[in-house]
Amino acid sequence: MNKKHNTEITASEAGRRGGLATLKNQGREYFKKIGKKGGNRTAELYHDLLSEFGKKGGRPRRPALTEYMEGEDQ
């Protein structure tokens, strides 16, 4: 394969190019619309879980390594 005519691209590069092309064709408002639509759908599907996180003070934290180790002693 000639370095000047490299036709292979990575998945992330393909995604970036596709996103930029969509931005050029559809505009910023399109991305705002689909983002809002996705957020609403997520809230609809995971309402109970998100509500529980909110009551606990926000995003759930990962258990500390020591908490994992306590379970192994038994």
C-alpha atoms as a PDB file:
ATOM      1  CA  MET A   1       0.000   0.000   0.000  1.00  0.00           C
ATOM      2  CA  ASN A   2       1.376   3.360  -1.002  1.00  0.00           C
ATOM      3  CA  LYS A   3       1.705   5.827   1.889  1.00  0.00           C
ATOM      4  CA  LYS A   4       0.401   8.703  -0.267  1.00  0.00           C
ATOM      5  CA  HIS A   5      -2.794   6.834  -1.096  1.00  0.00           C
ATOM      6  CA  ASN A   6      -3.633   5.212   2.217  1.00  0.00           C
ATOM      7  CA  THR A   7      -7.308   4.268   1.875  1.00  0.00           C
ATOM      8  CA  GLU A   8      -7.677   2.497   5.218  1.00  0.00           C
ATOM      9  CA  ILE A   9      -8.912   4.568   8.140  1.00  0.00           C
ATOM     10  CA  THR A  10      -9.644   3.736  11.758  1.00  0.00           C
ATOM     11  CA  ALA A  11     -13.144   3.412  13.123  1.00  0.00           C
ATOM     12  CA  SER A  12     -12.709   6.573  15.171  1.00  0.00           C
ATOM     13  CA  GLU A  13     -11.558   8.508  12.096  1.00  0.00           C
ATOM     14  CA  ALA A  14     -14.538   7.209  10.120  1.00  0.00           C
ATOM     15  CA  GLY A  15     -16.857   8.271  12.940  1.00  0.00           C
ATOM     16  CA  ARG A  16     -15.299  11.710  13.105  1.00  0.00           C
ATOM     17  CA  ARG A  17     -15.651  12.182   9.365  1.00  0.00           C
ATOM     18  CA  GLY A  18     -19.251  10.982   9.445  1.00  0.00           C
ATOM     19  CA  GLY A  19     -20.089  13.294  12.322  1.00  0.00           C
ATOM     20  CA  LEU A  20     -18.556  16.274  10.558  1.00  0.00           C
ATOM     21  CA  ALA A  21     -20.421  15.429   7.351  1.00  0.00           C
ATOM     22  CA  THR A  22     -23.684  15.173   9.283  1.00  0.00           C
ATOM     23  CA  LEU A  23     -22.969  18.497  10.961  1.00  0.00           C
ATOM     24  CA  LYS A  24     -22.323  20.096   7.589  1.00  0.00           C
ATOM     25  CA  ASN A  25     -25.497  18.628   6.032  1.00  0.00           C
ATOM     26  CA  GLN A  26     -27.925  18.783   8.958  1.00  0.00           C
ATOM     27  CA  GLY A  27     -26.592  21.578  11.159  1.00  0.00           C
ATOM     28  CA  ARG A  28     -26.265  22.102  14.902  1.00  0.00           C
ATOM     29  CA  GLU A  29     -29.982  22.067  15.566  1.00  0.00           C
ATOM     30  CA  TYR A  30     -30.158  18.461  14.342  1.00  0.00           C
ATOM     31  CA  PHE A  31     -27.618  17.358  16.960  1.00  0.00           C
ATOM     32  CA  LYS A  32     -29.468  19.289  19.669  1.00  0.00           C
ATOM     33  CA  LYS A  33     -32.724  17.602  18.627  1.00  0.00           C
ATOM     34  CA  ILE A  34     -31.362  14.046  18.604  1.00  0.00           C
ATOM     35  CA  GLY A  35     -29.493  14.643  21.877  1.00  0.00           C
ATOM     36  CA  LYS A  36     -32.676  15.787  23.575  1.00  0.00           C
ATOM     37  CA  LYS A  37     -34.584  12.862  22.074  1.00  0.00           C
ATOM     38  CA  GLY A  38     -31.966  10.397  23.381  1.00  0.00           C
ATOM     39  CA  GLY A  39     -31.952  11.990  26.825  1.00  0.00           C
ATOM     40  CA  ASN A  40     -35.731  11.797  27.054  1.00  0.00           C
ATOM     41  CA  ARG A  41     -35.705   8.152  26.009  1.00  0.00           C
ATOM     42  CA  THR A  42     -33.018   7.312  28.590  1.00  0.00           C
ATOM     43  CA  ALA A  43     -35.033   9.057  31.296  1.00  0.00           C
ATOM     44  CA  GLU A  44     -38.121   7.125  30.189  1.00  0.00           C
ATOM     45  CA  LEU A  45     -36.359   3.750  30.276  1.00  0.00           C
ATOM     46  CA  TYR A  46     -34.344   4.272  33.473  1.00  0.00           C
ATOM     47  CA  HIS A  47     -36.574   6.636  35.452  1.00  0.00           C
ATOM     48  CA  ASP A  48     -36.546   4.550  38.646  1.00  0.00           C
ATOM     49  CA  LEU A  49     -32.792   4.034  38.566  1.00  0.00           C
ATOM     50  CA  LEU A  50     -32.013   7.693  37.857  1.00  0.00           C
ATOM     51  CA  SER A  51     -34.444   8.743  40.574  1.00  0.00           C
ATOM     52  CA  GLU A  52     -32.642   6.468  43.041  1.00  0.00           C
ATOM     53  CA  PHE A  53     -29.270   7.986  42.092  1.00  0.00           C
ATOM     54  CA  GLY A  54     -30.671  11.463  42.604  1.00  0.00           C
ATOM     55  CA  LYS A  55     -31.915  10.592  46.080  1.00  0.00           C
ATOM     56  CA  LYS A  56     -28.466   9.277  46.969  1.00  0.00           C
ATOM     57  CA  GLY A  57     -26.872  12.557  45.935  1.00  0.00           C
ATOM     58  CA  GLY A  58     -26.026  12.048  42.285  1.00  0.00           C
ATOM     59  CA  ARG A  59     -23.931   9.586  40.373  1.00  0.00           C
ATOM     60  CA  PRO A  60     -23.240   6.262  42.102  1.00  0.00           C
ATOM     61  CA  ARG A  61     -19.687   5.701  43.240  1.00  0.00           C
ATOM     62  CA  ARG A  62     -17.639   2.626  42.582  1.00  0.00           C
ATOM     63  CA  PRO A  63     -16.925   0.427  45.585  1.00  0.00           C
ATOM     64  CA  ALA A  64     -13.418   0.861  46.994  1.00  0.00           C
ATOM     65  CA  LEU A  65     -10.899  -1.945  46.632  1.00  0.00           C
ATOM     66  CA  THR A  66     -11.122  -2.593  50.382  1.00  0.00           C
ATOM     67  CA  GLU A  67     -14.860  -3.208  50.035  1.00  0.00           C
ATOM     68  CA  TYR A  68     -14.132  -5.906  47.455  1.00  0.00           C
ATOM     69  CA  MET A  69     -11.503  -7.456  49.706  1.00  0.00           C
ATOM     70  CA  GLU A  70     -13.902  -7.694  52.679  1.00  0.00           C
ATOM     71  CA  GLY A  71     -16.061 -10.156  50.754  1.00  0.00           C
ATOM     72  CA  GLU A  72     -13.120 -12.512  50.118  1.00  0.00           C
ATOM     73  CA  ASP A  73     -12.406 -13.123  53.827  1.00  0.00           C
ATOM     74  CA  GLN A  74     -15.562 -15.159  54.292  1.00  0.00           C
END
